[in-house]
Amino acid sequence: MAATEREVLLGLQRALSEEQFQTFKYLLEEQLPLSRLQAASRPELCSMLLQHFPGRALHVAAAVLRRLPRHDLVLQYRLPGADGAAADDPGEDATTDPSGCGEDPLGRGGGRRGLGRGPRPPLTSPWVPSGAGRLLSERDLLRVAQLLGHEWQEVGVLCLGLQRCRLEQIRENNPHRAALCSFEMLREWRRREGAAATAPRLSDCLRPAQLDPEVFALLQQL
């Protein structure tokens, strides 16, 4: 007998590491009540998805899993879009609407902002110099953030030129979640850089820091 929607959602949550589970909840922050999200267990989060996104919970889960990125779970559980090119294209926005109706899987209309602040310029933006690389997406930033480690505040101040008070605020909002703090810090940097927020630019900024070589290897691929 085919698994129910609730069973699939629970299987997905159990397949995530604790840090990935916390990141999953973080990426849902604008769509579900934060007060309930922070303390939600895996079964409770499944119930919240079913309650807030009736008939679309698996679409929502698939969109968030692509942001983690956990494309393997999208394919393993045959989630919406698993057979499409989006699951294999690292450059595609994870919140593309599979129905083509102008609303992304998280329920946001085309005119509302997503996880970032304000609309993102197209990859062919005329403000990006030729050969400078494409703008970094939120998925790109999350992948980099997961490699920065616990020294993210020093990186933010010394390499990215961010205000320490802002970084402290990020840390207070995401206690004991280094990857999420790093992600929010990189989003802050991207907002400041605007059209110049490309992989080569970020790599140049991070170069003075003694970071894991995987960080620069990843940025070279983006």
C-alpha atoms as a PDB file:
ATOM      1  CA  MET A   1       0.000   0.000   0.000  1.00  0.00           C
ATOM      2  CA  ALA A   2       1.312   3.469  -0.873  1.00  0.00           C
ATOM      3  CA  ALA A   3       2.597   5.565   2.018  1.00  0.00           C
ATOM      4  CA  THR A   4       0.354   8.374   3.224  1.00  0.00           C
ATOM      5  CA  GLU A   5       1.396  12.017   2.987  1.00  0.00           C
ATOM      6  CA  ARG A   6       2.032  12.098   6.744  1.00  0.00           C
ATOM      7  CA  GLU A   7       4.233   8.977   6.583  1.00  0.00           C
ATOM      8  CA  VAL A   8       6.297  10.448   3.754  1.00  0.00           C
ATOM      9  CA  LEU A   9       6.782  13.736   5.627  1.00  0.00           C
ATOM     10  CA  LEU A  10       7.828  11.925   8.782  1.00  0.00           C
ATOM     11  CA  GLY A  11      10.251   9.742   6.840  1.00  0.00           C
ATOM     12  CA  LEU A  12      11.812  12.856   5.331  1.00  0.00           C
ATOM     13  CA  GLN A  13      12.246  14.533   8.711  1.00  0.00           C
ATOM     14  CA  ARG A  14      13.810  11.436  10.260  1.00  0.00           C
ATOM     15  CA  ALA A  15      16.302  11.233   7.392  1.00  0.00           C
ATOM     16  CA  LEU A  16      17.681  14.694   8.230  1.00  0.00           C
ATOM     17  CA  SER A  17      20.522  15.272  10.649  1.00  0.00           C
ATOM     18  CA  GLU A  18      19.720  17.487  13.633  1.00  0.00           C
ATOM     19  CA  GLU A  19      21.404  20.505  12.028  1.00  0.00           C
ATOM     20  CA  GLN A  20      19.577  19.910   8.747  1.00  0.00           C
ATOM     21  CA  PHE A  21      16.295  19.591  10.644  1.00  0.00           C
ATOM     22  CA  GLN A  22      16.899  22.952  12.345  1.00  0.00           C
ATOM     23  CA  THR A  23      17.793  24.495   8.968  1.00  0.00           C
ATOM     24  CA  PHE A  24      14.607  23.013   7.477  1.00  0.00           C
ATOM     25  CA  LYS A  25      12.577  24.810  10.152  1.00  0.00           C
ATOM     26  CA  TYR A  26      14.543  28.018   9.634  1.00  0.00           C
ATOM     27  CA  LEU A  27      13.697  28.067   5.937  1.00  0.00           C
ATOM     28  CA  LEU A  28       9.999  27.831   6.811  1.00  0.00           C
ATOM     29  CA  GLU A  29      10.182  30.765   9.215  1.00  0.00           C
ATOM     30  CA  GLU A  30       8.283  33.258   7.022  1.00  0.00           C
ATOM     31  CA  GLN A  31       5.455  30.823   6.353  1.00  0.00           C
ATOM     32  CA  LEU A  32       4.800  29.215   9.746  1.00  0.00           C
ATOM     33  CA  PRO A  33       4.549  30.752  13.241  1.00  0.00           C
ATOM     34  CA  LEU A  34       8.077  31.175  14.598  1.00  0.00           C
ATOM     35  CA  SER A  35       6.984  30.500  18.175  1.00  0.00           C
ATOM     36  CA  ARG A  36       5.716  27.057  17.173  1.00  0.00           C
ATOM     37  CA  LEU A  37       8.544  26.284  14.768  1.00  0.00           C
ATOM     38  CA  GLN A  38      11.378  26.733  17.254  1.00  0.00           C
ATOM     39  CA  ALA A  39      10.134  24.095  19.680  1.00  0.00           C
ATOM     40  CA  ALA A  40       8.547  21.722  17.143  1.00  0.00           C
ATOM     41  CA  SER A  41       9.646  18.097  17.102  1.00  0.00           C
ATOM     42  CA  ARG A  42       9.786  16.181  13.815  1.00  0.00           C
ATOM     43  CA  PRO A  43       6.267  14.708  14.152  1.00  0.00           C
ATOM     44  CA  GLU A  44       4.929  18.121  15.232  1.00  0.00           C
ATOM     45  CA  LEU A  45       6.499  19.800  12.202  1.00  0.00           C
ATOM     46  CA  CYS A  46       4.850  17.211   9.940  1.00  0.00           C
ATOM     47  CA  SER A  47       1.477  18.045  11.493  1.00  0.00           C
ATOM     48  CA  MET A  48       2.115  21.771  10.994  1.00  0.00           C
ATOM     49  CA  LEU A  49       2.929  21.260   7.311  1.00  0.00           C
ATOM     50  CA  LEU A  50      -0.247  19.247   6.764  1.00  0.00           C
ATOM     51  CA  GLN A  51      -2.320  21.841   8.621  1.00  0.00           C
ATOM     52  CA  HIS A  52      -0.930  24.975   6.967  1.00  0.00           C
ATOM     53  CA  PHE A  53      -0.445  23.579   3.447  1.00  0.00           C
ATOM     54  CA  PRO A  54      -3.361  21.182   2.836  1.00  0.00           C
ATOM     55  CA  GLY A  55      -2.737  19.193  -0.334  1.00  0.00           C
ATOM     56  CA  ARG A  56       0.605  20.952  -0.884  1.00  0.00           C
ATOM     57  CA  ALA A  57       2.729  19.829   2.055  1.00  0.00           C
ATOM     58  CA  LEU A  58       4.931  17.616  -0.121  1.00  0.00           C
ATOM     59  CA  HIS A  59       5.516  20.469  -2.583  1.00  0.00           C
ATOM     60  CA  VAL A  60       6.641  22.658   0.320  1.00  0.00           C
ATOM     61  CA  ALA A  61       8.896  19.938   1.718  1.00  0.00           C
ATOM     62  CA  ALA A  62      10.459  19.333  -1.706  1.00  0.00           C
ATOM     63  CA  ALA A  63      11.228  23.040  -2.136  1.00  0.00           C
ATOM     64  CA  VAL A  64      12.938  23.263   1.253  1.00  0.00           C
ATOM     65  CA  LEU A  65      14.900  20.045   0.722  1.00  0.00           C
ATOM     66  CA  ARG A  66      16.329  21.472  -2.497  1.00  0.00           C
ATOM     67  CA  ARG A  67      17.578  24.453  -0.506  1.00  0.00           C
ATOM     68  CA  LEU A  68      19.394  22.336   2.090  1.00  0.00           C
ATOM     69  CA  PRO A  69      20.371  20.777  -0.451  1.00  0.00           C
ATOM     70  CA  ARG A  70      19.025  17.209  -0.073  1.00  0.00           C
ATOM     71  CA  HIS A  71      18.096  16.338  -3.646  1.00  0.00           C
ATOM     72  CA  ASP A  72      18.642  12.687  -2.769  1.00  0.00           C
ATOM     73  CA  LEU A  73      15.573  12.709  -0.511  1.00  0.00           C
ATOM     74  CA  VAL A  74      13.494  14.430  -3.198  1.00  0.00           C
ATOM     75  CA  LEU A  75      14.370  11.599  -5.558  1.00  0.00           C
ATOM     76  CA  GLN A  76      14.164   8.808  -2.977  1.00  0.00           C
ATOM     77  CA  TYR A  77      10.637   9.741  -1.895  1.00  0.00           C
ATOM     78  CA  ARG A  78       9.548  10.748  -5.413  1.00  0.00           C
ATOM     79  CA  LEU A  79       8.477  14.177  -4.259  1.00  0.00           C
ATOM     80  CA  PRO A  80       6.901  16.709  -6.645  1.00  0.00           C
ATOM     81  CA  GLY A  81       9.442  17.734  -9.261  1.00  0.00           C
ATOM     82  CA  ALA A  82      11.698  14.721  -8.653  1.00  0.00           C
ATOM     83  CA  ASP A  83      11.610  13.783 -12.333  1.00  0.00           C
ATOM     84  CA  GLY A  84      12.169  17.329 -13.565  1.00  0.00           C
ATOM     85  CA  ALA A  85      15.384  19.084 -14.415  1.00  0.00           C
ATOM     86  CA  ALA A  86      15.057  21.383 -11.383  1.00  0.00           C
ATOM     87  CA  ALA A  87      16.201  18.630  -9.030  1.00  0.00           C
ATOM     88  CA  ASP A  88      19.486  18.289 -10.900  1.00  0.00           C
ATOM     89  CA  ASP A  89      20.158  21.952 -11.746  1.00  0.00           C
ATOM     90  CA  PRO A  90      22.167  23.604  -8.935  1.00  0.00           C
ATOM     91  CA  GLY A  91      21.643  27.016 -10.496  1.00  0.00           C
ATOM     92  CA  GLU A  92      17.869  27.002 -10.440  1.00  0.00           C
ATOM     93  CA  ASP A  93      15.917  28.768  -7.734  1.00  0.00           C
ATOM     94  CA  ALA A  94      14.625  26.195  -5.251  1.00  0.00           C
ATOM     95  CA  THR A  95      11.252  27.938  -4.924  1.00  0.00           C
ATOM     96  CA  THR A  96      10.206  27.737  -8.552  1.00  0.00           C
ATOM     97  CA  ASP A  97       6.494  27.046  -8.819  1.00  0.00           C
ATOM     98  CA  PRO A  98       5.972  23.578 -10.379  1.00  0.00           C
ATOM     99  CA  SER A  99       2.443  24.527 -11.400  1.00  0.00           C
ATOM    100  CA  GLY A 100       3.553  27.603 -13.346  1.00  0.00           C
ATOM    101  CA  CYS A 101       0.827  29.703 -11.707  1.00  0.00           C
ATOM    102  CA  GLY A 102       3.036  32.495 -10.413  1.00  0.00           C
ATOM    103  CA  GLU A 103       3.184  31.256  -6.821  1.00  0.00           C
ATOM    104  CA  ASP A 104       6.090  29.343  -5.372  1.00  0.00           C
ATOM    105  CA  PRO A 105       5.632  26.061  -3.436  1.00  0.00           C
ATOM    106  CA  LEU A 106       5.841  27.892  -0.106  1.00  0.00           C
ATOM    107  CA  GLY A 107       2.725  29.858  -0.946  1.00  0.00           C
ATOM    108  CA  ARG A 108       4.321  33.199  -1.745  1.00  0.00           C
ATOM    109  CA  GLY A 109       3.012  35.154  -4.687  1.00  0.00           C
ATOM    110  CA  GLY A 110       5.396  36.447  -7.314  1.00  0.00           C
ATOM    111  CA  GLY A 111       5.254  39.988  -5.920  1.00  0.00           C
ATOM    112  CA  ARG A 112       6.109  39.096  -2.334  1.00  0.00           C
ATOM    113  CA  ARG A 113       9.573  38.691  -1.034  1.00  0.00           C
ATOM    114  CA  GLY A 114      11.021  35.246  -0.372  1.00  0.00           C
ATOM    115  CA  LEU A 115      13.693  34.315   2.115  1.00  0.00           C
ATOM    116  CA  GLY A 116      15.866  37.234   0.970  1.00  0.00           C
ATOM    117  CA  ARG A 117      15.045  40.933   1.418  1.00  0.00           C
ATOM    118  CA  GLY A 118      13.410  42.270  -1.737  1.00  0.00           C
ATOM    119  CA  PRO A 119      13.471  40.960  -5.312  1.00  0.00           C
ATOM    120  CA  ARG A 120      16.667  39.452  -6.605  1.00  0.00           C
ATOM    121  CA  PRO A 121      18.053  40.817  -9.884  1.00  0.00           C
ATOM    122  CA  PRO A 122      18.062  38.418 -12.836  1.00  0.00           C
ATOM    123  CA  LEU A 123      21.277  36.531 -13.499  1.00  0.00           C
ATOM    124  CA  THR A 124      21.801  38.642 -16.618  1.00  0.00           C
ATOM    125  CA  SER A 125      21.523  41.910 -14.680  1.00  0.00           C
ATOM    126  CA  PRO A 126      23.168  44.775 -16.583  1.00  0.00           C
ATOM    127  CA  TRP A 127      24.870  45.869 -13.338  1.00  0.00           C
ATOM    128  CA  VAL A 128      26.967  42.699 -13.191  1.00  0.00           C
ATOM    129  CA  PRO A 129      30.192  43.135 -15.180  1.00  0.00           C
ATOM    130  CA  SER A 130      30.842  40.600 -17.907  1.00  0.00           C
ATOM    131  CA  GLY A 131      32.835  37.648 -16.587  1.00  0.00           C
ATOM    132  CA  ALA A 132      32.203  38.565 -12.940  1.00  0.00           C
ATOM    133  CA  GLY A 133      30.037  35.501 -12.303  1.00  0.00           C
ATOM    134  CA  ARG A 134      26.374  35.146 -11.486  1.00  0.00           C
ATOM    135  CA  LEU A 135      24.728  36.458  -8.348  1.00  0.00           C
ATOM    136  CA  LEU A 136      24.854  34.030  -5.452  1.00  0.00           C
ATOM    137  CA  SER A 137      21.506  32.460  -4.634  1.00  0.00           C
ATOM    138  CA  GLU A 138      20.244  31.626  -1.152  1.00  0.00           C
ATOM    139  CA  ARG A 139      21.033  27.985  -1.830  1.00  0.00           C
ATOM    140  CA  ASP A 140      24.623  28.967  -2.675  1.00  0.00           C
ATOM    141  CA  LEU A 141      24.914  30.984   0.534  1.00  0.00           C
ATOM    142  CA  LEU A 142      23.582  28.112   2.621  1.00  0.00           C
ATOM    143  CA  ARG A 143      26.121  25.714   1.130  1.00  0.00           C
ATOM    144  CA  VAL A 144      28.956  28.118   1.942  1.00  0.00           C
ATOM    145  CA  ALA A 145      27.552  28.771   5.427  1.00  0.00           C
ATOM    146  CA  GLN A 146      27.633  25.079   6.283  1.00  0.00           C
ATOM    147  CA  LEU A 147      31.420  25.115   5.747  1.00  0.00           C
ATOM    148  CA  LEU A 148      32.350  28.255   7.679  1.00  0.00           C
ATOM    149  CA  GLY A 149      32.296  26.698  11.150  1.00  0.00           C
ATOM    150  CA  HIS A 150      32.097  28.458  14.507  1.00  0.00           C
ATOM    151  CA  GLU A 151      34.433  31.343  13.640  1.00  0.00           C
ATOM    152  CA  TRP A 152      31.771  33.011  11.527  1.00  0.00           C
ATOM    153  CA  GLN A 153      31.660  36.219  13.603  1.00  0.00           C
ATOM    154  CA  GLU A 154      35.366  36.873  13.094  1.00  0.00           C
ATOM    155  CA  VAL A 155      34.882  36.231   9.379  1.00  0.00           C
ATOM    156  CA  GLY A 156      31.976  38.689   9.310  1.00  0.00           C
ATOM    157  CA  VAL A 157      33.937  41.487  10.974  1.00  0.00           C
ATOM    158  CA  LEU A 158      37.408  40.994   9.525  1.00  0.00           C
ATOM    159  CA  CYS A 159      36.584  39.749   6.023  1.00  0.00           C
ATOM    160  CA  LEU A 160      33.077  40.950   5.185  1.00  0.00           C
ATOM    161  CA  GLY A 161      33.191  44.294   6.978  1.00  0.00           C
ATOM    162  CA  LEU A 162      29.934  43.751   8.868  1.00  0.00           C
ATOM    163  CA  GLN A 163      29.057  45.456  12.148  1.00  0.00           C
ATOM    164  CA  ARG A 164      29.681  43.346  15.253  1.00  0.00           C
ATOM    165  CA  CYS A 165      26.400  44.514  16.793  1.00  0.00           C
ATOM    166  CA  ARG A 166      24.510  43.090  13.806  1.00  0.00           C
ATOM    167  CA  LEU A 167      26.381  39.801  14.102  1.00  0.00           C
ATOM    168  CA  GLU A 168      25.541  39.634  17.809  1.00  0.00           C
ATOM    169  CA  GLN A 169      21.892  40.103  16.932  1.00  0.00           C
ATOM    170  CA  ILE A 170      22.119  37.230  14.444  1.00  0.00           C
ATOM    171  CA  ARG A 171      23.737  35.025  17.096  1.00  0.00           C
ATOM    172  CA  GLU A 172      21.015  35.834  19.636  1.00  0.00           C
ATOM    173  CA  ASN A 173      18.302  35.024  17.115  1.00  0.00           C
ATOM    174  CA  ASN A 174      19.888  31.651  16.295  1.00  0.00           C
ATOM    175  CA  PRO A 175      21.505  30.327  19.495  1.00  0.00           C
ATOM    176  CA  HIS A 176      23.784  27.289  19.098  1.00  0.00           C
ATOM    177  CA  ARG A 177      23.176  27.166  15.324  1.00  0.00           C
ATOM    178  CA  ALA A 178      26.449  28.159  13.721  1.00  0.00           C
ATOM    179  CA  ALA A 179      25.403  27.248  10.174  1.00  0.00           C
ATOM    180  CA  LEU A 180      22.233  29.326  10.389  1.00  0.00           C
ATOM    181  CA  CYS A 181      24.151  32.253  11.846  1.00  0.00           C
ATOM    182  CA  SER A 182      26.643  32.032   8.989  1.00  0.00           C
ATOM    183  CA  PHE A 183      23.788  31.867   6.487  1.00  0.00           C
ATOM    184  CA  GLU A 184      22.148  34.995   7.902  1.00  0.00           C
ATOM    185  CA  MET A 185      25.516  36.758   7.946  1.00  0.00           C
ATOM    186  CA  LEU A 186      26.090  35.951   4.261  1.00  0.00           C
ATOM    187  CA  ARG A 187      22.585  37.192   3.432  1.00  0.00           C
ATOM    188  CA  GLU A 188      23.486  40.473   5.160  1.00  0.00           C
ATOM    189  CA  TRP A 189      26.654  40.672   3.053  1.00  0.00           C
ATOM    190  CA  ARG A 190      24.672  39.947  -0.119  1.00  0.00           C
ATOM    191  CA  ARG A 191      22.179  42.719   0.661  1.00  0.00           C
ATOM    192  CA  ARG A 192      25.050  45.171   1.076  1.00  0.00           C
ATOM    193  CA  GLU A 193      26.921  44.064  -2.046  1.00  0.00           C
ATOM    194  CA  GLY A 194      23.852  44.027  -4.291  1.00  0.00           C
ATOM    195  CA  ALA A 195      24.695  43.100  -7.877  1.00  0.00           C
ATOM    196  CA  ALA A 196      28.346  42.520  -6.939  1.00  0.00           C
ATOM    197  CA  ALA A 197      27.481  39.577  -4.643  1.00  0.00           C
ATOM    198  CA  THR A 198      29.097  36.910  -6.820  1.00  0.00           C
ATOM    199  CA  ALA A 199      31.209  33.874  -5.972  1.00  0.00           C
ATOM    200  CA  PRO A 200      34.495  35.493  -7.103  1.00  0.00           C
ATOM    201  CA  ARG A 201      33.729  38.567  -4.982  1.00  0.00           C
ATOM    202  CA  LEU A 202      32.943  36.473  -1.888  1.00  0.00           C
ATOM    203  CA  SER A 203      36.038  34.360  -2.444  1.00  0.00           C
ATOM    204  CA  ASP A 204      38.189  37.511  -2.556  1.00  0.00           C
ATOM    205  CA  CYS A 205      36.600  38.770   0.667  1.00  0.00           C
ATOM    206  CA  LEU A 206      37.199  35.479   2.491  1.00  0.00           C
ATOM    207  CA  ARG A 207      40.737  34.960   1.209  1.00  0.00           C
ATOM    208  CA  PRO A 208      42.493  36.542   4.259  1.00  0.00           C
ATOM    209  CA  ALA A 209      40.772  34.098   6.649  1.00  0.00           C
ATOM    210  CA  GLN A 210      42.227  30.691   7.492  1.00  0.00           C
ATOM    211  CA  LEU A 211      39.195  28.754   6.265  1.00  0.00           C
ATOM    212  CA  ASP A 212      38.654  25.173   5.188  1.00  0.00           C
ATOM    213  CA  PRO A 213      39.927  24.854   1.582  1.00  0.00           C
ATOM    214  CA  GLU A 214      36.539  23.343   0.730  1.00  0.00           C
ATOM    215  CA  VAL A 215      35.022  26.832   1.075  1.00  0.00           C
ATOM    216  CA  PHE A 216      37.137  28.185  -1.770  1.00  0.00           C
ATOM    217  CA  ALA A 217      36.723  25.007  -3.811  1.00  0.00           C
ATOM    218  CA  LEU A 218      32.942  25.387  -3.550  1.00  0.00           C
ATOM    219  CA  LEU A 219      33.027  29.069  -4.495  1.00  0.00           C
ATOM    220  CA  GLN A 220      35.157  28.215  -7.506  1.00  0.00           C
ATOM    221  CA  GLN A 221      32.405  25.857  -8.685  1.00  0.00           C
ATOM    222  CA  LEU A 222      29.589  28.387  -8.278  1.00  0.00           C
END
